[in-house]
C-alpha atoms as a PDB file:
ATOM      1  CA  UNK A   1     -44.139 -42.003   8.035  1.00  0.00           C
ATOM      2  CA  UNK A   2     -45.721 -38.604   8.218  1.00  0.00           C
ATOM      3  CA  UNK A   3     -43.312 -36.067   6.684  1.00  0.00           C
ATOM      4  CA  UNK A   4     -44.911 -33.268   8.480  1.00  0.00           C
ATOM      5  CA  UNK A   5     -43.852 -34.297  12.088  1.00  0.00           C
ATOM      6  CA  UNK A   6     -40.202 -35.561  11.292  1.00  0.00           C
ATOM      7  CA  UNK A   7     -37.514 -33.909   9.410  1.00  0.00           C
ATOM      8  CA  UNK A   8     -35.652 -36.146   6.976  1.00  0.00           C
ATOM      9  CA  UNK A   9     -32.420 -37.789   8.207  1.00  0.00           C
ATOM     10  CA  UNK A  10     -30.333 -35.876   5.666  1.00  0.00           C
ATOM     11  CA  UNK A  11     -31.547 -32.424   6.853  1.00  0.00           C
ATOM     12  CA  UNK A  12     -29.195 -31.457   9.539  1.00  0.00           C
ATOM     13  CA  UNK A  13     -30.012 -28.010   9.703  1.00  0.00           C
ATOM     14  CA  UNK A  14     -33.762 -28.411  10.884  1.00  0.00           C
ATOM     15  CA  UNK A  15     -32.731 -30.156  14.071  1.00  0.00           C
ATOM     16  CA  UNK A  16     -33.991 -28.643  17.053  1.00  0.00           C
ATOM     17  CA  UNK A  17     -30.735 -27.556  19.157  1.00  0.00           C
ATOM     18  CA  UNK A  18     -32.369 -26.500  22.700  1.00  0.00           C
ATOM     19  CA  UNK A  19     -32.769 -23.175  21.489  1.00  0.00           C
ATOM     20  CA  UNK A  20     -33.842 -22.889  17.960  1.00  0.00           C
ATOM     21  CA  UNK A  21     -34.289 -24.768  14.775  1.00  0.00           C
ATOM     22  CA  UNK A  22     -30.670 -25.227  13.715  1.00  0.00           C
ATOM     23  CA  UNK A  23     -27.881 -27.956  13.408  1.00  0.00           C
ATOM     24  CA  UNK A  24     -27.322 -29.926  16.669  1.00  0.00           C
ATOM     25  CA  UNK A  25     -23.379 -29.296  17.572  1.00  0.00           C
ATOM     26  CA  UNK A  26     -22.736 -30.881  20.863  1.00  0.00           C
ATOM     27  CA  UNK A  27     -21.573 -34.233  20.812  1.00  0.00           C
ATOM     28  CA  UNK A  28     -24.152 -36.939  20.922  1.00  0.00           C
ATOM     29  CA  UNK A  29     -23.722 -39.100  24.459  1.00  0.00           C
ATOM     30  CA  UNK A  30     -24.544 -42.859  24.338  1.00  0.00           C
ATOM     31  CA  UNK A  31     -27.046 -44.735  26.653  1.00  0.00           C
ATOM     32  CA  UNK A  32     -26.619 -44.944  30.283  1.00  0.00           C
ATOM     33  CA  UNK A  33     -26.309 -42.790  33.267  1.00  0.00           C
ATOM     34  CA  UNK A  34     -22.133 -42.817  33.532  1.00  0.00           C
ATOM     35  CA  UNK A  35     -22.442 -41.587  29.818  1.00  0.00           C
ATOM     36  CA  UNK A  36     -24.279 -38.495  30.787  1.00  0.00           C
ATOM     37  CA  UNK A  37     -21.725 -36.973  32.913  1.00  0.00           C
ATOM     38  CA  UNK A  38     -20.039 -34.968  29.853  1.00  0.00           C
ATOM     39  CA  UNK A  39     -23.657 -34.130  28.377  1.00  0.00           C
ATOM     40  CA  UNK A  40     -24.163 -30.217  28.866  1.00  0.00           C
ATOM     41  CA  UNK A  41     -27.866 -30.920  28.649  1.00  0.00           C
ATOM     42  CA  UNK A  42     -28.292 -33.149  31.440  1.00  0.00           C
ATOM     43  CA  UNK A  43     -27.578 -32.227  34.907  1.00  0.00           C
ATOM     44  CA  UNK A  44     -26.473 -35.770  36.473  1.00  0.00           C
ATOM     45  CA  UNK A  45     -24.600 -36.261  39.787  1.00  0.00           C
ATOM     46  CA  UNK A  46     -23.467 -40.024  39.570  1.00  0.00           C
ATOM     47  CA  UNK A  47     -21.323 -39.524  42.781  1.00  0.00           C
ATOM     48  CA  UNK A  48     -24.314 -39.973  45.039  1.00  0.00           C
ATOM     49  CA  UNK A  49     -26.006 -43.263  44.963  1.00  0.00           C
ATOM     50  CA  UNK A  50     -29.832 -43.213  44.554  1.00  0.00           C
ATOM     51  CA  UNK A  51     -30.904 -45.059  47.603  1.00  0.00           C
ATOM     52  CA  UNK A  52     -34.561 -45.826  46.064  1.00  0.00           C
ATOM     53  CA  UNK A  53     -32.829 -47.673  43.075  1.00  0.00           C
ATOM     54  CA  UNK A  54     -30.650 -49.520  45.554  1.00  0.00           C
ATOM     55  CA  UNK A  55     -33.646 -50.587  47.785  1.00  0.00           C
ATOM     56  CA  UNK A  56     -35.413 -52.044  44.768  1.00  0.00           C
ATOM     57  CA  UNK A  57     -32.361 -53.790  43.652  1.00  0.00           C
ATOM     58  CA  UNK A  58     -31.874 -55.515  47.229  1.00  0.00           C
ATOM     59  CA  UNK A  59     -35.652 -56.364  47.476  1.00  0.00           C
ATOM     60  CA  UNK A  60     -35.393 -58.011  43.987  1.00  0.00           C
ATOM     61  CA  UNK A  61     -32.294 -59.946  45.026  1.00  0.00           C
ATOM     62  CA  UNK A  62     -34.310 -60.971  48.313  1.00  0.00           C
ATOM     63  CA  UNK A  63     -37.221 -62.043  46.383  1.00  0.00           C
ATOM     64  CA  UNK A  64     -35.256 -63.809  43.987  1.00  0.00           C
ATOM     65  CA  UNK A  65     -33.663 -66.068  46.554  1.00  0.00           C
ATOM     66  CA  UNK A  66     -36.894 -66.876  48.466  1.00  0.00           C
ATOM     67  CA  UNK A  67     -38.072 -68.075  44.961  1.00  0.00           C
ATOM     68  CA  UNK A  68     -34.939 -69.976  44.310  1.00  0.00           C
ATOM     69  CA  UNK A  69     -35.168 -71.544  47.867  1.00  0.00           C
ATOM     70  CA  UNK A  70     -39.026 -72.116  47.286  1.00  0.00           C
ATOM     71  CA  UNK A  71     -38.446 -73.763  44.054  1.00  0.00           C
ATOM     72  CA  UNK A  72     -35.628 -76.150  45.849  1.00  0.00           C
ATOM     73  CA  UNK A  73     -37.935 -77.174  48.034  1.00  0.00           C
ATOM     74  CA  UNK A  74     -37.039 -75.169  50.970  1.00  0.00           C
ATOM     75  CA  UNK A  75     -39.403 -73.598  53.493  1.00  0.00           C
ATOM     76  CA  UNK A  76     -39.893 -69.790  52.666  1.00  0.00           C
ATOM     77  CA  UNK A  77     -41.526 -67.250  54.691  1.00  0.00           C
ATOM     78  CA  UNK A  78     -43.557 -64.865  52.279  1.00  0.00           C
ATOM     79  CA  UNK A  79     -45.410 -61.752  53.876  1.00  0.00           C
ATOM     80  CA  UNK A  80     -49.054 -61.987  52.998  1.00  0.00           C
ATOM     81  CA  UNK A  81     -50.397 -58.488  52.229  1.00  0.00           C
ATOM     82  CA  UNK A  82     -53.851 -59.813  50.942  1.00  0.00           C
ATOM     83  CA  UNK A  83     -55.562 -59.105  54.218  1.00  0.00           C
ATOM     84  CA  UNK A  84     -54.086 -55.257  54.012  1.00  0.00           C
ATOM     85  CA  UNK A  85     -54.783 -54.554  50.273  1.00  0.00           C
ATOM     86  CA  UNK A  86     -58.224 -56.282  49.643  1.00  0.00           C
ATOM     87  CA  UNK A  87     -60.850 -53.932  49.140  1.00  0.00           C
ATOM     88  CA  UNK A  88     -63.753 -56.322  50.432  1.00  0.00           C
ATOM     89  CA  UNK A  89     -64.737 -56.735  53.848  1.00  0.00           C
ATOM     90  CA  UNK A  90     -66.598 -55.033  56.796  1.00  0.00           C
ATOM     91  CA  UNK A  91     -64.019 -52.275  57.695  1.00  0.00           C
END
């Protein structure tokens, strides 16, 4: 451990509190987006759904179902994008 980079765990007066080197007074929040609602240092709006994340979750659910069906021997249509994303060809 490089002591010149980190303060010792017992030296609470040497923390960066966002403005200067001093004791960090605000309550430390737990992990997760919903816990950040009371964090004075993080501006989070948890009332609006993150549409990008929801789209990714839906895409993962669709792919998971397709993989389960394929594993169970059912016919599954996968979109083949290898022609579109390939770097080779005459184009």
